[in-house]
């Protein structure tokens, strides 16, 4: 399928060569710990650990694209909050931690899920989810959602190249700032159409590969290596240090 073939070109460096189960546990640990931690200092520490993990596992260009995409979303969210402050003045009096913490949580989750989405093959990911005894009606949407991430990155790159070819010599920031409707028409509208089509193709490809809800995952998994154990141990240490920072900072105020 077109969507799955594009994913191959966006795989990360995978320097650690971890099992899909290890990457899945890392994602769960990062998501749960980021929700349990509320102090910006503790979240920033957790973000630094997750960023180190992402830098080791992900190609720099792909990671940069993901951070730029997240930066745009954060900027739009901050603008909406700023605009809502004129209607609800109480939002302007909210502490800065309430505005920063959601974006720090988003960064932690993104750093953890990118290695899982880019470095885990579809069959390995399906096997890992199948061994968790998840029902097929839950497993298949999860696989499609995770594999959807590299498709988004690849579509962004292709559309940027297409826009650059079409408006060659007029790609400056001021050119697009003066033409917001043109930017919407030539970039965001095609992006939405491509993402909807890619989601359908990913679901179809998963079913054609024999990953329908009744799939049997009886194949013996690859044993956990020393790198898997060391990575999980370091992840537990990072969560513990972030939790300790949460307690220390929380007790200081």
Protein backbone atom coordinates (compact mmCIF):
# COMPACT_ATOMS: atom_id res chain seq x y z
CA UNK A 1 0.00 0.00 0.00
CA UNK A 2 1.11 3.57 -0.69
CA UNK A 3 0.81 4.67 2.95
CA UNK A 4 2.84 1.79 4.36
CA UNK A 5 5.56 2.14 1.72
CA UNK A 6 6.02 5.79 2.63
CA UNK A 7 6.50 4.86 6.28
CA UNK A 8 9.63 2.87 5.44
CA UNK A 9 11.47 6.04 4.44
CA UNK A 10 10.71 7.71 7.78
CA UNK A 11 11.94 5.04 10.16
CA UNK A 12 14.13 6.30 12.94
CA UNK A 13 17.75 5.49 13.59
CA UNK A 14 16.77 2.72 16.06
CA UNK A 15 20.21 2.68 17.65
CA UNK A 16 18.96 0.79 20.69
CA UNK A 17 17.17 -1.96 18.71
CA UNK A 18 14.47 -2.36 21.37
CA UNK A 19 11.53 -4.70 21.35
CA UNK A 20 8.11 -3.30 20.50
CA UNK A 21 6.95 -4.23 24.01
CA UNK A 22 9.73 -2.09 25.52
CA UNK A 23 8.81 0.93 23.41
CA UNK A 24 5.15 0.40 24.26
CA UNK A 25 5.93 0.31 27.99
CA UNK A 26 8.06 3.44 27.61
CA UNK A 27 5.13 5.23 25.99
CA UNK A 28 2.70 4.15 28.71
CA UNK A 29 5.13 5.15 31.47
CA UNK A 30 5.76 8.57 29.91
CA UNK A 31 2.04 9.25 29.41
CA UNK A 32 0.98 8.17 32.90
CA UNK A 33 3.86 9.94 34.69
CA UNK A 34 3.30 13.18 32.76
CA UNK A 35 -0.34 13.15 33.86
CA UNK A 36 0.57 12.44 37.49
CA UNK A 37 3.18 15.24 37.61
CA UNK A 38 1.93 18.81 37.69
CA UNK A 39 4.89 21.02 38.58
CA UNK A 40 6.60 22.61 35.52
CA UNK A 41 10.08 21.94 36.95
CA UNK A 42 9.39 18.23 37.32
CA UNK A 43 7.78 18.07 33.89
CA UNK A 44 10.77 19.85 32.36
CA UNK A 45 13.09 17.25 33.91
CA UNK A 46 10.92 14.44 32.55
CA UNK A 47 10.88 16.18 29.16
CA UNK A 48 14.68 16.29 29.09
CA UNK A 49 14.91 12.54 29.76
CA UNK A 50 12.31 11.76 27.10
CA UNK A 51 14.08 14.07 24.63
CA UNK A 52 17.33 12.17 25.17
CA UNK A 53 15.51 8.92 24.42
CA UNK A 54 13.99 10.43 21.26
CA UNK A 55 17.31 11.84 20.04
CA UNK A 56 18.91 8.39 20.31
CA UNK A 57 16.07 6.63 18.51
CA UNK A 58 14.83 9.16 15.94
CA UNK A 59 16.49 10.78 12.94
CA UNK A 60 17.22 14.48 13.64
CA UNK A 61 15.29 15.67 10.59
CA UNK A 62 12.17 13.72 11.55
CA UNK A 63 12.38 14.89 15.16
CA UNK A 64 12.76 18.50 13.99
CA UNK A 65 9.65 18.22 11.82
CA UNK A 66 7.69 16.82 14.76
CA UNK A 67 8.83 19.63 17.05
CA UNK A 68 7.95 22.26 14.45
CA UNK A 69 4.49 20.74 14.05
CA UNK A 70 4.03 20.70 17.84
CA UNK A 71 5.27 24.30 18.02
CA UNK A 72 2.63 25.42 15.54
CA UNK A 73 -0.10 23.66 17.52
CA UNK A 74 1.12 25.22 20.77
CA UNK A 75 1.21 28.68 19.19
CA UNK A 76 -2.37 28.30 17.95
CA UNK A 77 -3.49 27.10 21.39
CA UNK A 78 -1.81 30.02 23.16
CA UNK A 79 -3.39 32.46 20.72
CA UNK A 80 -6.83 30.98 21.41
CA UNK A 81 -6.27 31.22 25.18
CA UNK A 82 -5.11 34.83 24.79
CA UNK A 83 -8.21 35.66 22.73
CA UNK A 84 -10.51 33.96 25.24
CA UNK A 85 -8.95 36.13 27.95
CA UNK A 86 -10.88 39.11 26.58
CA UNK A 87 -14.15 37.23 27.15
CA UNK A 88 -13.18 35.51 30.41
CA UNK A 89 -10.79 37.83 32.32
CA UNK A 90 -10.18 35.13 34.95
CA UNK A 91 -8.07 33.25 32.42
CA UNK A 92 -5.54 36.10 32.39
CA UNK A 93 -5.07 35.76 36.14
CA UNK A 94 -4.27 32.04 35.93
CA UNK A 95 -0.73 31.01 37.02
CA UNK A 96 1.86 30.49 34.33
CA UNK A 97 2.23 26.81 35.27
CA UNK A 98 -1.29 26.12 34.02
CA UNK A 99 -0.29 27.43 30.59
CA UNK A 100 3.08 25.68 30.40
CA UNK A 101 2.29 22.27 31.89
CA UNK A 102 0.01 21.00 29.06
CA UNK A 103 2.69 21.68 26.44
CA UNK A 104 5.36 19.99 28.55
CA UNK A 105 3.10 16.93 28.85
CA UNK A 106 2.58 16.99 25.10
CA UNK A 107 6.33 17.07 24.51
CA UNK A 108 6.95 14.13 26.88
CA UNK A 109 4.30 12.02 25.19
CA UNK A 110 5.54 12.91 21.71
CA UNK A 111 9.15 12.01 22.58
CA UNK A 112 8.01 8.60 23.84
CA UNK A 113 5.56 7.71 21.09
CA UNK A 114 7.70 8.68 18.10
CA UNK A 115 10.23 5.81 18.56
CA UNK A 116 7.30 3.41 18.93
CA UNK A 117 5.57 4.67 15.80
CA UNK A 118 8.66 5.01 13.59
CA UNK A 119 10.84 2.10 14.67
CA UNK A 120 8.30 -0.66 15.36
CA UNK A 121 7.08 -2.69 12.42
CA UNK A 122 3.36 -3.27 12.06
CA UNK A 123 3.56 -7.01 12.77
CA UNK A 124 5.80 -6.52 15.83
CA UNK A 125 3.47 -3.86 17.17
CA UNK A 126 0.45 -6.10 16.56
CA UNK A 127 2.19 -8.95 18.38
CA UNK A 128 3.00 -6.74 21.36
CA UNK A 129 -0.57 -5.48 21.59
CA UNK A 130 -1.92 -8.99 21.11
CA UNK A 131 0.11 -10.36 24.02
CA UNK A 132 -1.49 -7.75 26.25
CA UNK A 133 -4.77 -9.62 25.66
CA UNK A 134 -6.45 -6.53 24.27
CA UNK A 135 -9.63 -7.20 22.29
CA UNK A 136 -9.32 -6.89 18.53
CA UNK A 137 -11.77 -4.01 18.42
CA UNK A 138 -9.27 -2.03 20.54
CA UNK A 139 -6.05 -3.43 19.08
CA UNK A 140 -6.69 -2.59 15.44
CA UNK A 141 -7.57 1.12 16.02
CA UNK A 142 -4.49 1.46 18.23
CA UNK A 143 -2.24 0.06 15.52
CA UNK A 144 -3.74 2.34 12.88
CA UNK A 145 -3.42 5.38 15.19
CA UNK A 146 0.24 4.69 16.00
CA UNK A 147 1.17 4.02 12.37
CA UNK A 148 -0.68 7.19 11.39
CA UNK A 149 2.04 9.35 12.97
CA UNK A 150 4.79 8.76 10.36
CA UNK A 151 2.19 9.22 7.64
CA UNK A 152 1.44 12.72 8.98
CA UNK A 153 5.14 13.58 8.98
CA UNK A 154 5.63 12.30 5.47
CA UNK A 155 2.57 14.12 4.13
CA UNK A 156 3.84 17.37 5.66
CA UNK A 157 7.18 16.96 3.90
CA UNK A 158 5.60 16.13 0.53
CA UNK A 159 3.16 19.02 0.68
CA UNK A 160 5.94 21.43 1.65
CA UNK A 161 7.94 20.29 -1.37
CA UNK A 162 4.90 20.60 -3.64
CA UNK A 163 4.18 24.14 -2.43
CA UNK A 164 7.84 25.03 -2.89
CA UNK A 165 7.75 23.84 -6.50
CA UNK A 166 4.50 25.61 -7.29
CA UNK A 167 5.53 28.93 -5.72
CA UNK A 168 9.20 28.79 -6.50
CA UNK A 169 10.91 32.07 -5.71
CA UNK A 170 7.95 33.26 -3.62
CA UNK A 171 8.34 31.12 -0.52
CA UNK A 172 9.33 33.90 1.86
CA UNK A 173 7.56 34.44 5.17
CA UNK A 174 6.18 37.83 4.10
CA UNK A 175 4.71 36.32 0.93
CA UNK A 176 2.64 33.81 2.92
CA UNK A 177 1.83 36.32 5.67
CA UNK A 178 0.12 38.53 3.11
CA UNK A 179 -1.82 35.58 1.63
CA UNK A 180 -3.28 33.48 4.48
CA UNK A 181 -6.15 32.19 2.29
CA UNK A 182 -3.66 30.95 -0.30
CA UNK A 183 -1.73 29.14 2.45
CA UNK A 184 -4.97 27.49 3.58
CA UNK A 185 -5.95 26.49 0.04
CA UNK A 186 -2.62 25.06 -1.14
CA UNK A 187 -1.41 23.45 2.11
CA UNK A 188 -4.00 22.78 4.80
CA UNK A 189 -6.89 21.68 2.59
CA UNK A 190 -4.77 19.10 0.68
CA UNK A 191 -3.26 17.98 4.01
CA UNK A 192 -6.68 17.21 5.48
CA UNK A 193 -7.72 15.27 2.37
CA UNK A 194 -4.47 13.28 2.32
CA UNK A 195 -4.72 12.40 6.02
CA UNK A 196 -8.28 11.10 5.67
CA UNK A 197 -7.27 8.99 2.68
CA UNK A 198 -4.13 7.71 4.42
CA UNK A 199 -6.15 6.65 7.48
CA UNK A 200 -8.39 4.50 5.26
CA UNK A 201 -5.38 2.97 3.51
CA UNK A 202 -3.65 2.15 6.80
CA UNK A 203 -6.72 0.38 8.14
CA UNK A 204 -7.12 -1.54 4.89
CA UNK A 205 -3.43 -2.47 4.83
CA UNK A 206 -3.60 -3.77 8.41
CA UNK A 207 -6.55 -6.01 7.55
CA UNK A 208 -4.92 -7.26 4.33
CA UNK A 209 -1.82 -8.22 6.33
CA UNK A 210 -3.97 -10.56 8.40
CA UNK A 211 -4.24 -8.30 11.43
CA UNK A 212 -8.01 -8.38 11.71
CA UNK A 213 -9.56 -8.63 15.20
CA UNK A 214 -9.39 -12.45 15.26
CA UNK A 215 -5.65 -12.73 14.58
CA UNK A 216 -3.71 -15.28 16.62
CA UNK A 217 -0.39 -14.03 18.01
CA UNK A 218 1.16 -17.28 19.11
CA UNK A 219 4.65 -16.72 17.69
CA UNK A 220 7.39 -16.80 20.31
CA UNK A 221 8.62 -13.25 20.97
CA UNK A 222 12.25 -12.19 20.83
CA UNK A 223 13.76 -12.33 24.34
CA UNK A 224 14.42 -9.11 26.18
CA UNK A 225 17.99 -8.01 25.62
CA UNK A 226 20.32 -6.17 27.98
CA UNK A 227 19.44 -2.95 26.14
CA UNK A 228 15.73 -3.51 26.81
CA UNK A 229 16.35 -4.06 30.53
CA UNK A 230 18.73 -1.10 30.79
CA UNK A 231 16.30 1.19 28.96
CA UNK A 232 13.39 0.23 31.24
CA UNK A 233 15.61 0.66 34.31
CA UNK A 234 16.71 4.13 33.20
CA UNK A 235 13.10 5.03 32.41
CA UNK A 236 12.05 4.01 35.92
CA UNK A 237 14.91 6.09 37.34
CA UNK A 238 13.85 9.11 35.27
CA UNK A 239 10.25 8.80 36.47
CA UNK A 240 11.45 8.46 40.08
CA UNK A 241 13.67 11.55 39.82
CA UNK A 242 10.85 13.55 38.25
CA UNK A 243 8.46 12.40 40.98
CA UNK A 244 11.00 13.38 43.65
CA UNK A 245 11.34 16.82 42.02
CA UNK A 246 7.56 17.11 42.09
CA UNK A 247 7.52 16.42 45.84
CA UNK A 248 10.41 18.80 46.62
CA UNK A 249 9.06 21.67 44.52
CA UNK A 250 5.52 21.12 45.76
CA UNK A 251 6.58 21.22 49.40
CA UNK A 252 8.58 24.41 48.85
CA UNK A 253 5.49 26.42 47.95
